[in-house]
Amino acid sequence: MQQYPLIGISGNHRQDNTEHDTYILSYAPNGFVTGLERAKAIPVILPIVSQETAHEYISRVDALVLSGGQDVSPLLYGEEPHINLGRTYPVRDAYELALIEEAYRQRKPILAICRGIQILNVAFGGTLYQDIQSQYPESTILHVQKTMPSTATHTIEIAEGSELSKIFGTKTAINSYHHQAVKELAPNFKAVAWSSDGLIEAFESNEEEHYVLALQGHPETMVNDDEGMQELFNHFVDYVREKRLF
């Protein structure tokens, strides 16, 4: 009987103002749930909690997905906020840093998407472009697309022999909803994909004992229309099931 690994998805907060009260809702984008379930995993949203409880989360899941969301606080990588910095959420930063620390300690596989690639890089000493348009003049393509999120809008070149190339080959098209990007890559990682203007679009771990697949695009918004993006989730879950834990 096939085993269904338990995959934790880092959650976020959304505040809803109602007629009577103000509610903070815990959530994660449903595309992650869809992609993981189709890959025959059990997706579990991990709401924002204390750092201590975040450590306990990791003990109970087989792998971690870091989801998208707010900008990462530049104070975490030694910079002051740029004038074009978007909204940050230090509570979530601290929570996800705790998840990452414990996932690495327990050698749990990590799939990091959009903000996920950024907070993961920062966790190990990397830095970010706080705003691509004003800090990266080499940029020649639109990184915050104006079309539907299910639509790929630019291509990325992928390093031959990388984990990502096993899924997409050496070139694919991806969607793009980010005004921040990896600047200095942390020494734990190696870049494996780039946009045509040279920005890092994906990285993986340099260390065999740690499985990391980090992607700047949003495959979770494309899984209903693009079989290739579903294959990303299939590949990740297969690794967890066959190579690591089951």
C-alpha atoms as a PDB file:
ATOM      1  CA  MET A   1       0.000   0.000   0.000  1.00  0.00           C
ATOM      2  CA  GLN A   2       1.375   3.412  -0.968  1.00  0.00           C
ATOM      3  CA  GLN A   3       2.322   5.664   1.924  1.00  0.00           C
ATOM      4  CA  TYR A   4       1.035   9.245   2.030  1.00  0.00           C
ATOM      5  CA  PRO A   5       3.666  11.493   3.649  1.00  0.00           C
ATOM      6  CA  LEU A   6       2.519  14.370   5.839  1.00  0.00           C
ATOM      7  CA  ILE A   7       3.693  17.695   4.371  1.00  0.00           C
ATOM      8  CA  GLY A   8       3.528  20.885   6.443  1.00  0.00           C
ATOM      9  CA  ILE A   9       2.775  24.190   4.672  1.00  0.00           C
ATOM     10  CA  SER A  10       3.862  27.363   6.459  1.00  0.00           C
ATOM     11  CA  GLY A  11       0.803  29.475   7.199  1.00  0.00           C
ATOM     12  CA  ASN A  12       0.145  33.192   7.119  1.00  0.00           C
ATOM     13  CA  HIS A  13      -2.220  35.649   8.817  1.00  0.00           C
ATOM     14  CA  ARG A  14      -4.967  37.706   7.221  1.00  0.00           C
ATOM     15  CA  GLN A  15      -7.030  40.240   9.112  1.00  0.00           C
ATOM     16  CA  ASP A  16     -10.714  40.511   8.276  1.00  0.00           C
ATOM     17  CA  ASN A  17     -12.761  43.420   9.577  1.00  0.00           C
ATOM     18  CA  THR A  18     -16.380  42.500  10.143  1.00  0.00           C
ATOM     19  CA  GLU A  19     -19.318  44.504  11.384  1.00  0.00           C
ATOM     20  CA  HIS A  20     -18.834  43.323  14.934  1.00  0.00           C
ATOM     21  CA  ASP A  21     -15.200  42.397  15.406  1.00  0.00           C
ATOM     22  CA  THR A  22     -11.746  42.057  13.916  1.00  0.00           C
ATOM     23  CA  TYR A  23     -10.590  38.531  13.167  1.00  0.00           C
ATOM     24  CA  ILE A  24      -7.132  37.262  12.338  1.00  0.00           C
ATOM     25  CA  LEU A  25      -7.394  34.273  10.030  1.00  0.00           C
ATOM     26  CA  SER A  26      -4.733  31.601   9.533  1.00  0.00           C
ATOM     27  CA  TYR A  27      -4.386  30.385   5.949  1.00  0.00           C
ATOM     28  CA  ALA A  28      -2.201  29.094   3.138  1.00  0.00           C
ATOM     29  CA  PRO A  29      -2.883  29.296  -0.614  1.00  0.00           C
ATOM     30  CA  ASN A  30      -5.057  26.387  -1.709  1.00  0.00           C
ATOM     31  CA  GLY A  31      -2.822  25.600  -4.685  1.00  0.00           C
ATOM     32  CA  PHE A  32      -0.326  24.029  -2.293  1.00  0.00           C
ATOM     33  CA  VAL A  33      -3.053  21.810  -0.874  1.00  0.00           C
ATOM     34  CA  THR A  34      -4.154  20.809  -4.378  1.00  0.00           C
ATOM     35  CA  GLY A  35      -0.654  20.117  -5.665  1.00  0.00           C
ATOM     36  CA  LEU A  36       0.366  18.047  -2.653  1.00  0.00           C
ATOM     37  CA  GLU A  37      -2.871  16.067  -2.497  1.00  0.00           C
ATOM     38  CA  ARG A  38      -2.633  15.203  -6.191  1.00  0.00           C
ATOM     39  CA  ALA A  39       0.918  14.033  -5.524  1.00  0.00           C
ATOM     40  CA  LYS A  40      -0.518  11.642  -2.911  1.00  0.00           C
ATOM     41  CA  ALA A  41       0.614  13.496   0.179  1.00  0.00           C
ATOM     42  CA  ILE A  42      -1.404  14.732   3.131  1.00  0.00           C
ATOM     43  CA  PRO A  43      -1.118  18.549   3.210  1.00  0.00           C
ATOM     44  CA  VAL A  44      -1.305  20.233   6.612  1.00  0.00           C
ATOM     45  CA  ILE A  45      -1.337  24.000   7.086  1.00  0.00           C
ATOM     46  CA  LEU A  46       0.945  25.068   9.944  1.00  0.00           C
ATOM     47  CA  PRO A  47      -0.489  28.261  11.512  1.00  0.00           C
ATOM     48  CA  ILE A  48       1.880  30.925  12.832  1.00  0.00           C
ATOM     49  CA  VAL A  49       2.819  30.060  16.406  1.00  0.00           C
ATOM     50  CA  SER A  50       5.658  30.641  18.865  1.00  0.00           C
ATOM     51  CA  GLN A  51       9.145  29.552  17.893  1.00  0.00           C
ATOM     52  CA  GLU A  52       8.994  26.740  20.443  1.00  0.00           C
ATOM     53  CA  THR A  53       5.806  25.306  18.961  1.00  0.00           C
ATOM     54  CA  ALA A  54       7.200  25.754  15.454  1.00  0.00           C
ATOM     55  CA  HIS A  55       9.984  23.357  16.410  1.00  0.00           C
ATOM     56  CA  GLU A  56       7.355  20.831  17.501  1.00  0.00           C
ATOM     57  CA  TYR A  57       5.602  21.124  14.148  1.00  0.00           C
ATOM     58  CA  ILE A  58       8.658  19.806  12.338  1.00  0.00           C
ATOM     59  CA  SER A  59       8.818  16.709  14.524  1.00  0.00           C
ATOM     60  CA  ARG A  60       5.325  15.786  13.332  1.00  0.00           C
ATOM     61  CA  VAL A  61       5.650  16.311   9.573  1.00  0.00           C
ATOM     62  CA  ASP A  62       7.758  14.538   6.970  1.00  0.00           C
ATOM     63  CA  ALA A  63       8.692  17.631   4.966  1.00  0.00           C
ATOM     64  CA  LEU A  64       8.159  21.389   4.873  1.00  0.00           C
ATOM     65  CA  VAL A  65       6.764  23.757   2.238  1.00  0.00           C
ATOM     66  CA  LEU A  66       7.567  27.456   2.718  1.00  0.00           C
ATOM     67  CA  SER A  67       4.801  29.502   1.092  1.00  0.00           C
ATOM     68  CA  GLY A  68       4.659  33.025  -0.346  1.00  0.00           C
ATOM     69  CA  GLY A  69       3.569  36.273   1.267  1.00  0.00           C
ATOM     70  CA  GLN A  70       5.012  39.468   2.725  1.00  0.00           C
ATOM     71  CA  ASP A  71       8.465  40.952   2.167  1.00  0.00           C
ATOM     72  CA  VAL A  72      11.188  39.675   4.477  1.00  0.00           C
ATOM     73  CA  SER A  73      12.420  42.271   6.966  1.00  0.00           C
ATOM     74  CA  PRO A  74      15.771  43.669   5.746  1.00  0.00           C
ATOM     75  CA  LEU A  75      16.906  44.003   9.360  1.00  0.00           C
ATOM     76  CA  LEU A  76      17.435  40.232   9.256  1.00  0.00           C
ATOM     77  CA  TYR A  77      20.231  40.665   6.714  1.00  0.00           C
ATOM     78  CA  GLY A  78      21.756  43.849   8.083  1.00  0.00           C
ATOM     79  CA  GLU A  79      20.039  46.485   5.936  1.00  0.00           C
ATOM     80  CA  GLU A  80      17.723  49.398   6.584  1.00  0.00           C
ATOM     81  CA  PRO A  81      14.331  49.433   4.842  1.00  0.00           C
ATOM     82  CA  HIS A  82      14.434  50.698   1.256  1.00  0.00           C
ATOM     83  CA  ILE A  83      11.855  53.326   0.289  1.00  0.00           C
ATOM     84  CA  ASN A  84      10.139  50.760  -1.967  1.00  0.00           C
ATOM     85  CA  LEU A  85      10.049  47.958   0.587  1.00  0.00           C
ATOM     86  CA  GLY A  86       6.624  46.333   0.796  1.00  0.00           C
ATOM     87  CA  ARG A  87       4.758  45.239   3.898  1.00  0.00           C
ATOM     88  CA  THR A  88       6.764  43.056   6.265  1.00  0.00           C
ATOM     89  CA  TYR A  89       5.592  40.816   9.093  1.00  0.00           C
ATOM     90  CA  PRO A  90       8.328  40.141  11.684  1.00  0.00           C
ATOM     91  CA  VAL A  91       6.112  37.674  13.557  1.00  0.00           C
ATOM     92  CA  ARG A  92       6.001  35.466  10.490  1.00  0.00           C
ATOM     93  CA  ASP A  93       9.717  35.949   9.856  1.00  0.00           C
ATOM     94  CA  ALA A  94      10.550  34.639  13.338  1.00  0.00           C
ATOM     95  CA  TYR A  95       8.134  31.738  12.980  1.00  0.00           C
ATOM     96  CA  GLU A  96       9.496  30.602   9.620  1.00  0.00           C
ATOM     97  CA  LEU A  97      13.102  30.985  10.725  1.00  0.00           C
ATOM     98  CA  ALA A  98      12.271  28.596  13.567  1.00  0.00           C
ATOM     99  CA  LEU A  99      10.703  26.149  11.102  1.00  0.00           C
ATOM    100  CA  ILE A 100      13.777  26.303   8.877  1.00  0.00           C
ATOM    101  CA  GLU A 101      16.202  25.861  11.761  1.00  0.00           C
ATOM    102  CA  GLU A 102      14.407  22.771  13.000  1.00  0.00           C
ATOM    103  CA  ALA A 103      13.841  21.313   9.533  1.00  0.00           C
ATOM    104  CA  TYR A 104      17.578  21.539   8.908  1.00  0.00           C
ATOM    105  CA  ARG A 105      18.387  20.038  12.287  1.00  0.00           C
ATOM    106  CA  GLN A 106      16.082  17.106  11.590  1.00  0.00           C
ATOM    107  CA  ARG A 107      17.113  16.944   7.914  1.00  0.00           C
ATOM    108  CA  LYS A 108      13.558  17.271   6.668  1.00  0.00           C
ATOM    109  CA  PRO A 109      13.168  18.102   2.947  1.00  0.00           C
ATOM    110  CA  ILE A 110      12.167  21.692   2.105  1.00  0.00           C
ATOM    111  CA  LEU A 111      10.259  23.081  -0.873  1.00  0.00           C
ATOM    112  CA  ALA A 112      10.416  26.899  -0.823  1.00  0.00           C
ATOM    113  CA  ILE A 113       8.218  29.090  -3.038  1.00  0.00           C
ATOM    114  CA  CYS A 114       8.455  32.883  -3.679  1.00  0.00           C
ATOM    115  CA  ARG A 115       8.846  34.447  -0.214  1.00  0.00           C
ATOM    116  CA  GLY A 116       9.995  30.971   0.813  1.00  0.00           C
ATOM    117  CA  ILE A 117      13.127  31.146  -1.350  1.00  0.00           C
ATOM    118  CA  GLN A 118      13.869  34.570   0.134  1.00  0.00           C
ATOM    119  CA  ILE A 119      13.453  33.746   3.842  1.00  0.00           C
ATOM    120  CA  LEU A 120      15.404  30.509   3.314  1.00  0.00           C
ATOM    121  CA  ASN A 121      18.307  32.426   1.771  1.00  0.00           C
ATOM    122  CA  VAL A 122      18.252  34.992   4.578  1.00  0.00           C
ATOM    123  CA  ALA A 123      18.146  32.234   7.213  1.00  0.00           C
ATOM    124  CA  PHE A 124      21.620  31.098   6.162  1.00  0.00           C
ATOM    125  CA  GLY A 125      23.256  34.491   5.683  1.00  0.00           C
ATOM    126  CA  GLY A 126      22.137  35.547   2.220  1.00  0.00           C
ATOM    127  CA  THR A 127      20.734  38.939   1.217  1.00  0.00           C
ATOM    128  CA  LEU A 128      17.924  40.221  -1.003  1.00  0.00           C
ATOM    129  CA  TYR A 129      17.206  42.958  -3.473  1.00  0.00           C
ATOM    130  CA  GLN A 130      14.553  44.829  -1.517  1.00  0.00           C
ATOM    131  CA  ASP A 131      13.121  46.200  -4.765  1.00  0.00           C
ATOM    132  CA  ILE A 132      14.217  44.865  -8.144  1.00  0.00           C
ATOM    133  CA  GLN A 133      13.198  47.884 -10.205  1.00  0.00           C
ATOM    134  CA  SER A 134      15.224  50.390  -8.183  1.00  0.00           C
ATOM    135  CA  GLN A 135      18.114  48.197  -7.001  1.00  0.00           C
ATOM    136  CA  TYR A 136      18.785  45.976 -10.028  1.00  0.00           C
ATOM    137  CA  PRO A 137      19.117  48.193 -13.115  1.00  0.00           C
ATOM    138  CA  GLU A 138      20.054  45.152 -15.223  1.00  0.00           C
ATOM    139  CA  SER A 139      16.448  43.961 -14.999  1.00  0.00           C
ATOM    140  CA  THR A 140      14.838  43.916 -18.428  1.00  0.00           C
ATOM    141  CA  ILE A 141      11.694  41.841 -17.860  1.00  0.00           C
ATOM    142  CA  LEU A 142       8.483  42.239 -15.896  1.00  0.00           C
ATOM    143  CA  HIS A 143       8.790  40.380 -12.585  1.00  0.00           C
ATOM    144  CA  VAL A 144       5.357  41.433 -11.301  1.00  0.00           C
ATOM    145  CA  GLN A 145       3.121  40.220 -14.093  1.00  0.00           C
ATOM    146  CA  LYS A 146      -0.185  41.836 -14.990  1.00  0.00           C
ATOM    147  CA  THR A 147      -1.841  38.699 -16.353  1.00  0.00           C
ATOM    148  CA  MET A 148      -3.638  35.856 -14.572  1.00  0.00           C
ATOM    149  CA  PRO A 149      -1.489  34.002 -12.003  1.00  0.00           C
ATOM    150  CA  SER A 150      -2.102  30.702 -13.794  1.00  0.00           C
ATOM    151  CA  THR A 151      -0.227  32.065 -16.841  1.00  0.00           C
ATOM    152  CA  ALA A 152       3.522  31.729 -17.372  1.00  0.00           C
ATOM    153  CA  THR A 153       5.030  35.035 -18.489  1.00  0.00           C
ATOM    154  CA  HIS A 154       8.803  34.555 -18.722  1.00  0.00           C
ATOM    155  CA  THR A 155      11.321  31.783 -19.190  1.00  0.00           C
ATOM    156  CA  ILE A 156      14.079  30.573 -16.900  1.00  0.00           C
ATOM    157  CA  GLU A 157      17.302  28.780 -17.790  1.00  0.00           C
ATOM    158  CA  ILE A 158      17.992  25.738 -15.601  1.00  0.00           C
ATOM    159  CA  ALA A 159      21.372  24.188 -14.811  1.00  0.00           C
ATOM    160  CA  GLU A 160      21.855  20.794 -16.428  1.00  0.00           C
ATOM    161  CA  GLY A 161      22.085  18.006 -13.847  1.00  0.00           C
ATOM    162  CA  SER A 162      20.240  19.948 -11.161  1.00  0.00           C
ATOM    163  CA  GLU A 163      17.254  18.547  -9.290  1.00  0.00           C
ATOM    164  CA  LEU A 164      15.062  21.119 -11.022  1.00  0.00           C
ATOM    165  CA  SER A 165      16.257  19.962 -14.443  1.00  0.00           C
ATOM    166  CA  LYS A 166      14.923  16.478 -13.678  1.00  0.00           C
ATOM    167  CA  ILE A 167      11.463  18.057 -13.681  1.00  0.00           C
ATOM    168  CA  PHE A 168      11.642  20.759 -16.357  1.00  0.00           C
ATOM    169  CA  GLY A 169      14.762  20.099 -18.401  1.00  0.00           C
ATOM    170  CA  THR A 170      17.082  23.051 -18.991  1.00  0.00           C
ATOM    171  CA  LYS A 171      14.407  25.635 -19.774  1.00  0.00           C
ATOM    172  CA  THR A 172      10.826  26.317 -18.745  1.00  0.00           C
ATOM    173  CA  ALA A 173       8.328  29.157 -18.454  1.00  0.00           C
ATOM    174  CA  ILE A 174       7.089  30.375 -15.080  1.00  0.00           C
ATOM    175  CA  ASN A 175       4.787  33.025 -13.690  1.00  0.00           C
ATOM    176  CA  SER A 176       6.192  35.960 -11.736  1.00  0.00           C
ATOM    177  CA  TYR A 177       4.824  37.942  -8.792  1.00  0.00           C
ATOM    178  CA  HIS A 178       7.823  39.308  -6.914  1.00  0.00           C
ATOM    179  CA  HIS A 179       9.482  42.697  -6.521  1.00  0.00           C
ATOM    180  CA  GLN A 180      12.228  41.216  -4.321  1.00  0.00           C
ATOM    181  CA  ALA A 181      14.831  38.623  -5.282  1.00  0.00           C
ATOM    182  CA  VAL A 182      17.911  36.798  -4.059  1.00  0.00           C
ATOM    183  CA  LYS A 183      20.959  39.080  -4.142  1.00  0.00           C
ATOM    184  CA  GLU A 184      23.881  37.400  -2.367  1.00  0.00           C
ATOM    185  CA  LEU A 185      23.277  33.660  -2.197  1.00  0.00           C
ATOM    186  CA  ALA A 186      23.960  31.977   1.145  1.00  0.00           C
ATOM    187  CA  PRO A 187      26.968  29.604   1.055  1.00  0.00           C
ATOM    188  CA  ASN A 188      24.765  26.597   1.857  1.00  0.00           C
ATOM    189  CA  PHE A 189      23.121  26.858  -1.558  1.00  0.00           C
ATOM    190  CA  LYS A 190      23.869  26.798  -5.290  1.00  0.00           C
ATOM    191  CA  ALA A 191      21.910  28.695  -7.924  1.00  0.00           C
ATOM    192  CA  VAL A 192      20.295  26.387 -10.482  1.00  0.00           C
ATOM    193  CA  ALA A 193      17.989  28.686 -12.489  1.00  0.00           C
ATOM    194  CA  TRP A 194      18.074  32.262 -13.770  1.00  0.00           C
ATOM    195  CA  SER A 195      15.766  34.651 -15.598  1.00  0.00           C
ATOM    196  CA  SER A 196      17.013  36.202 -18.841  1.00  0.00           C
ATOM    197  CA  ASP A 197      18.131  39.328 -16.959  1.00  0.00           C
ATOM    198  CA  GLY A 198      20.342  37.295 -14.624  1.00  0.00           C
ATOM    199  CA  LEU A 199      18.288  37.126 -11.431  1.00  0.00           C
ATOM    200  CA  ILE A 200      18.392  33.873  -9.473  1.00  0.00           C
ATOM    201  CA  GLU A 201      15.089  32.033  -9.960  1.00  0.00           C
ATOM    202  CA  ALA A 202      15.897  28.795  -8.114  1.00  0.00           C
ATOM    203  CA  PHE A 203      18.500  27.263  -5.834  1.00  0.00           C
ATOM    204  CA  GLU A 204      19.276  23.927  -4.222  1.00  0.00           C
ATOM    205  CA  SER A 205      21.399  22.726  -1.320  1.00  0.00           C
ATOM    206  CA  ASN A 206      25.149  22.229  -1.585  1.00  0.00           C
ATOM    207  CA  GLU A 207      24.923  19.476   1.020  1.00  0.00           C
ATOM    208  CA  GLU A 208      23.728  15.978   0.151  1.00  0.00           C
ATOM    209  CA  GLU A 209      22.178  15.439   3.568  1.00  0.00           C
ATOM    210  CA  HIS A 210      19.820  18.389   3.058  1.00  0.00           C
ATOM    211  CA  TYR A 211      17.190  18.322   0.310  1.00  0.00           C
ATOM    212  CA  VAL A 212      16.210  21.851  -0.697  1.00  0.00           C
ATOM    213  CA  LEU A 213      14.299  22.919  -3.782  1.00  0.00           C
ATOM    214  CA  ALA A 214      13.647  26.684  -3.800  1.00  0.00           C
ATOM    215  CA  LEU A 215      11.793  28.444  -6.618  1.00  0.00           C
ATOM    216  CA  GLN A 216      10.958  32.139  -7.058  1.00  0.00           C
ATOM    217  CA  GLY A 217       7.832  31.570  -9.178  1.00  0.00           C
ATOM    218  CA  HIS A 218       4.394  30.423  -8.027  1.00  0.00           C
ATOM    219  CA  PRO A 219       3.805  26.868  -9.297  1.00  0.00           C
ATOM    220  CA  GLU A 220       0.899  26.455  -6.874  1.00  0.00           C
ATOM    221  CA  THR A 221      -1.195  28.888  -8.936  1.00  0.00           C
ATOM    222  CA  MET A 222      -0.483  26.931 -12.136  1.00  0.00           C
ATOM    223  CA  VAL A 223      -1.171  23.321 -11.108  1.00  0.00           C
ATOM    224  CA  ASN A 224      -4.720  23.300 -12.501  1.00  0.00           C
ATOM    225  CA  ASP A 225      -3.593  24.334 -15.987  1.00  0.00           C
ATOM    226  CA  ASP A 226       0.003  23.128 -16.292  1.00  0.00           C
ATOM    227  CA  GLU A 227       0.941  19.471 -15.833  1.00  0.00           C
ATOM    228  CA  GLY A 228       4.593  20.459 -15.582  1.00  0.00           C
ATOM    229  CA  MET A 229       3.940  22.488 -12.448  1.00  0.00           C
ATOM    230  CA  GLN A 230       2.054  19.581 -10.904  1.00  0.00           C
ATOM    231  CA  GLU A 231       5.119  17.480 -11.665  1.00  0.00           C
ATOM    232  CA  LEU A 232       7.122  19.724  -9.318  1.00  0.00           C
ATOM    233  CA  PHE A 233       4.907  18.642  -6.428  1.00  0.00           C
ATOM    234  CA  ASN A 234       4.949  15.019  -7.609  1.00  0.00           C
ATOM    235  CA  HIS A 235       8.741  15.051  -7.681  1.00  0.00           C
ATOM    236  CA  PHE A 236       9.017  16.546  -4.208  1.00  0.00           C
ATOM    237  CA  VAL A 237       6.556  14.104  -2.659  1.00  0.00           C
ATOM    238  CA  ASP A 238       8.190  11.155  -4.425  1.00  0.00           C
ATOM    239  CA  TYR A 239      11.521  12.169  -2.922  1.00  0.00           C
ATOM    240  CA  VAL A 240      10.044  12.343   0.559  1.00  0.00           C
ATOM    241  CA  ARG A 241       8.320   9.000   0.131  1.00  0.00           C
ATOM    242  CA  GLU A 242      10.996   6.969  -1.618  1.00  0.00           C
ATOM    243  CA  LYS A 243      14.363   8.468  -0.757  1.00  0.00           C
ATOM    244  CA  ARG A 244      13.987   9.760   2.754  1.00  0.00           C
ATOM    245  CA  LEU A 245      11.280   8.375   4.927  1.00  0.00           C
ATOM    246  CA  PHE A 246       9.218   5.501   3.557  1.00  0.00           C
END
